[in-house]
Amino acid sequence: MEEGYQPLDYEADTVKAGETLYKTGRTSCYSQAQVTVESAYETVNYGAYNVAFDDVILTEKMLDPGDSGSSVWKKSE
């Protein structure tokens, strides 16, 4: 959003450590996990190159191979 992109049909929200997030995916169907870190800087190795990601939310395990791109949400209050 800081770069000028706005998600369609929803508003982004903030999360706090300890909150529970929920997701659906192709492999794991439905899962939930607690947020462990609200904002992290991570580097991912793709074999021939590395890609850095900033402001990443870290959670307990909630994804399986095939779940990439799954939506994640928290319950409204």
N, C-alpha and C. Protein backbone atom coordinates (compact mmCIF):
# COMPACT_ATOMS: atom_id res chain seq x y z
N MET A 1 0.82 -1.19 0.00
CA MET A 1 0.00 0.00 0.00
C MET A 1 0.86 1.25 0.00
N GLU A 2 2.04 1.20 0.65
CA GLU A 2 2.92 2.35 0.65
C GLU A 2 3.43 2.66 -0.75
N GLU A 3 3.48 1.65 -1.62
CA GLU A 3 3.96 1.83 -2.99
C GLU A 3 2.84 2.30 -3.92
N GLY A 4 1.63 2.46 -3.40
CA GLY A 4 0.53 2.94 -4.22
C GLY A 4 -0.45 1.87 -4.66
N TYR A 5 -0.23 0.61 -4.22
CA TYR A 5 -1.16 -0.45 -4.57
C TYR A 5 -2.18 -0.61 -3.46
N GLN A 6 -3.43 -0.84 -3.82
CA GLN A 6 -4.49 -0.99 -2.83
C GLN A 6 -5.21 -2.32 -3.09
N PRO A 7 -5.30 -3.21 -2.09
CA PRO A 7 -6.05 -4.46 -2.27
C PRO A 7 -7.51 -4.15 -2.60
N LEU A 8 -8.13 -5.00 -3.38
CA LEU A 8 -9.53 -4.81 -3.77
C LEU A 8 -10.46 -5.50 -2.78
N ASP A 9 -11.58 -4.90 -2.51
CA ASP A 9 -12.68 -5.50 -1.75
C ASP A 9 -12.38 -5.84 -0.30
N TYR A 10 -11.32 -5.27 0.28
CA TYR A 10 -11.10 -5.45 1.71
C TYR A 10 -10.13 -4.40 2.20
N GLU A 11 -10.11 -4.23 3.50
CA GLU A 11 -9.18 -3.29 4.11
C GLU A 11 -8.10 -4.08 4.84
N ALA A 12 -6.85 -3.68 4.65
CA ALA A 12 -5.75 -4.34 5.37
C ALA A 12 -5.85 -3.99 6.85
N ASP A 13 -5.42 -4.90 7.68
CA ASP A 13 -5.48 -4.70 9.13
C ASP A 13 -4.11 -4.99 9.72
N THR A 14 -3.89 -4.54 10.92
CA THR A 14 -2.64 -4.84 11.61
C THR A 14 -2.84 -6.06 12.49
N VAL A 15 -1.74 -6.71 12.84
CA VAL A 15 -1.79 -7.86 13.74
C VAL A 15 -0.82 -7.63 14.88
N LYS A 16 -1.04 -8.35 15.96
CA LYS A 16 -0.17 -8.28 17.12
C LYS A 16 0.28 -9.69 17.48
N ALA A 17 1.46 -9.80 18.04
CA ALA A 17 1.96 -11.10 18.49
C ALA A 17 0.94 -11.72 19.44
N GLY A 18 0.66 -13.00 19.26
CA GLY A 18 -0.31 -13.71 20.09
C GLY A 18 -1.69 -13.81 19.46
N GLU A 19 -2.00 -12.96 18.47
CA GLU A 19 -3.30 -13.06 17.80
C GLU A 19 -3.34 -14.31 16.94
N THR A 20 -4.54 -14.83 16.71
CA THR A 20 -4.71 -16.01 15.87
C THR A 20 -5.13 -15.58 14.47
N LEU A 21 -4.45 -16.16 13.46
CA LEU A 21 -4.80 -15.96 12.06
C LEU A 21 -5.36 -17.26 11.51
N TYR A 22 -6.22 -17.16 10.50
CA TYR A 22 -6.88 -18.31 9.89
C TYR A 22 -6.62 -18.29 8.39
N LYS A 23 -6.60 -19.46 7.75
CA LYS A 23 -6.43 -19.51 6.31
C LYS A 23 -7.02 -20.78 5.73
N THR A 24 -7.34 -20.68 4.46
CA THR A 24 -7.74 -21.85 3.69
C THR A 24 -6.70 -22.05 2.59
N GLY A 25 -6.47 -23.30 2.22
CA GLY A 25 -5.47 -23.58 1.20
C GLY A 25 -5.82 -24.82 0.41
N ARG A 26 -5.11 -25.05 -0.67
CA ARG A 26 -5.37 -26.20 -1.52
C ARG A 26 -4.96 -27.50 -0.85
N THR A 27 -3.90 -27.47 -0.05
CA THR A 27 -3.38 -28.69 0.55
C THR A 27 -3.93 -28.90 1.96
N SER A 28 -3.79 -27.88 2.79
CA SER A 28 -4.17 -28.06 4.20
C SER A 28 -5.62 -27.68 4.48
N CYS A 29 -6.36 -27.28 3.47
CA CYS A 29 -7.77 -26.89 3.59
C CYS A 29 -7.94 -25.73 4.56
N TYR A 30 -8.07 -25.98 5.85
CA TYR A 30 -8.32 -24.93 6.83
C TYR A 30 -7.33 -25.08 7.97
N SER A 31 -6.70 -23.99 8.37
CA SER A 31 -5.79 -24.05 9.52
C SER A 31 -5.76 -22.71 10.22
N GLN A 32 -5.16 -22.71 11.38
CA GLN A 32 -5.00 -21.49 12.16
C GLN A 32 -3.67 -21.53 12.88
N ALA A 33 -3.15 -20.34 13.21
CA ALA A 33 -1.87 -20.26 13.91
C ALA A 33 -1.77 -18.91 14.61
N GLN A 34 -0.95 -18.85 15.63
CA GLN A 34 -0.73 -17.60 16.33
C GLN A 34 0.42 -16.83 15.71
N VAL A 35 0.29 -15.51 15.72
CA VAL A 35 1.36 -14.63 15.24
C VAL A 35 2.49 -14.68 16.27
N THR A 36 3.72 -14.90 15.79
CA THR A 36 4.88 -14.91 16.69
C THR A 36 5.68 -13.61 16.57
N VAL A 37 5.76 -13.03 15.36
CA VAL A 37 6.46 -11.77 15.13
C VAL A 37 5.59 -10.91 14.22
N GLU A 38 5.35 -9.67 14.62
CA GLU A 38 4.46 -8.78 13.87
C GLU A 38 5.07 -8.26 12.58
N SER A 39 6.36 -8.03 12.56
CA SER A 39 7.01 -7.47 11.38
C SER A 39 8.47 -7.92 11.35
N ALA A 40 8.80 -8.73 10.35
CA ALA A 40 10.16 -9.26 10.24
C ALA A 40 10.74 -8.96 8.86
N TYR A 41 12.06 -9.03 8.77
CA TYR A 41 12.79 -8.92 7.51
C TYR A 41 13.37 -10.28 7.24
N GLU A 42 13.02 -10.90 6.14
CA GLU A 42 13.47 -12.26 5.83
C GLU A 42 14.07 -12.32 4.43
N THR A 43 15.06 -13.18 4.24
CA THR A 43 15.65 -13.44 2.94
C THR A 43 15.37 -14.89 2.58
N VAL A 44 14.85 -15.12 1.38
CA VAL A 44 14.52 -16.47 0.91
C VAL A 44 15.47 -16.84 -0.22
N ASN A 45 16.06 -18.03 -0.13
CA ASN A 45 16.98 -18.52 -1.17
C ASN A 45 16.18 -19.32 -2.19
N TYR A 46 16.21 -18.88 -3.44
CA TYR A 46 15.55 -19.57 -4.55
C TYR A 46 16.54 -20.32 -5.42
N GLY A 47 17.64 -20.75 -4.83
CA GLY A 47 18.65 -21.51 -5.56
C GLY A 47 19.67 -20.61 -6.22
N ALA A 48 19.32 -19.99 -7.33
CA ALA A 48 20.24 -19.15 -8.08
C ALA A 48 20.31 -17.72 -7.54
N TYR A 49 19.35 -17.34 -6.71
CA TYR A 49 19.32 -15.97 -6.19
C TYR A 49 18.55 -15.91 -4.88
N ASN A 50 18.74 -14.83 -4.15
CA ASN A 50 18.02 -14.57 -2.91
C ASN A 50 17.05 -13.42 -3.12
N VAL A 51 15.93 -13.46 -2.42
CA VAL A 51 14.95 -12.38 -2.46
C VAL A 51 14.68 -11.95 -1.03
N ALA A 52 14.71 -10.64 -0.78
CA ALA A 52 14.46 -10.10 0.55
C ALA A 52 13.01 -9.64 0.65
N PHE A 53 12.38 -9.92 1.77
CA PHE A 53 11.01 -9.50 2.04
C PHE A 53 11.02 -8.72 3.34
N ASP A 54 10.36 -7.58 3.35
CA ASP A 54 10.30 -6.72 4.53
C ASP A 54 8.86 -6.64 5.03
N ASP A 55 8.68 -6.46 6.33
CA ASP A 55 7.36 -6.34 6.96
C ASP A 55 6.55 -7.63 6.78
N VAL A 56 7.20 -8.76 7.05
CA VAL A 56 6.57 -10.07 6.93
C VAL A 56 6.01 -10.47 8.30
N ILE A 57 4.80 -11.01 8.30
CA ILE A 57 4.20 -11.53 9.53
C ILE A 57 4.63 -12.97 9.69
N LEU A 58 5.22 -13.31 10.85
CA LEU A 58 5.61 -14.70 11.14
C LEU A 58 4.59 -15.33 12.06
N THR A 59 4.23 -16.59 11.77
CA THR A 59 3.28 -17.33 12.59
C THR A 59 3.84 -18.71 12.91
N GLU A 60 3.14 -19.41 13.77
CA GLU A 60 3.39 -20.84 13.95
C GLU A 60 3.09 -21.50 12.61
N LYS A 61 3.41 -22.78 12.45
CA LYS A 61 3.16 -23.47 11.18
C LYS A 61 1.67 -23.46 10.84
N MET A 62 1.37 -22.98 9.63
CA MET A 62 -0.02 -23.01 9.18
C MET A 62 -0.15 -23.32 7.69
N LEU A 63 0.98 -23.51 6.99
CA LEU A 63 0.95 -23.77 5.55
C LEU A 63 1.59 -25.11 5.23
N ASP A 64 1.17 -25.69 4.12
CA ASP A 64 1.78 -26.89 3.57
C ASP A 64 2.13 -26.61 2.12
N PRO A 65 3.03 -27.40 1.52
CA PRO A 65 3.32 -27.20 0.10
C PRO A 65 2.02 -27.21 -0.71
N GLY A 66 1.87 -26.24 -1.58
CA GLY A 66 0.65 -26.10 -2.37
C GLY A 66 -0.27 -25.02 -1.85
N ASP A 67 0.02 -24.48 -0.67
CA ASP A 67 -0.83 -23.45 -0.07
C ASP A 67 -0.39 -22.03 -0.41
N SER A 68 0.67 -21.87 -1.19
CA SER A 68 1.16 -20.53 -1.51
C SER A 68 0.05 -19.69 -2.13
N GLY A 69 -0.04 -18.46 -1.68
CA GLY A 69 -1.05 -17.55 -2.21
C GLY A 69 -2.40 -17.66 -1.53
N SER A 70 -2.53 -18.52 -0.53
CA SER A 70 -3.81 -18.67 0.17
C SER A 70 -4.14 -17.41 0.95
N SER A 71 -5.42 -17.12 1.06
CA SER A 71 -5.82 -15.95 1.84
C SER A 71 -5.67 -16.23 3.33
N VAL A 72 -5.35 -15.18 4.07
CA VAL A 72 -5.19 -15.27 5.52
C VAL A 72 -6.03 -14.15 6.12
N TRP A 73 -6.71 -14.44 7.22
CA TRP A 73 -7.55 -13.44 7.85
C TRP A 73 -7.57 -13.63 9.34
N LYS A 74 -8.10 -12.63 10.04
CA LYS A 74 -8.35 -12.77 11.48
C LYS A 74 -9.82 -12.47 11.69
N LYS A 75 -10.36 -12.99 12.77
CA LYS A 75 -11.79 -12.79 13.05
C LYS A 75 -12.04 -11.32 13.39
N SER A 76 -13.15 -10.82 12.91
CA SER A 76 -13.51 -9.44 13.23
C SER A 76 -14.02 -9.38 14.67
N GLU A 77 -13.82 -8.23 15.26
CA GLU A 77 -14.20 -8.08 16.68
C GLU A 77 -15.49 -7.33 16.81
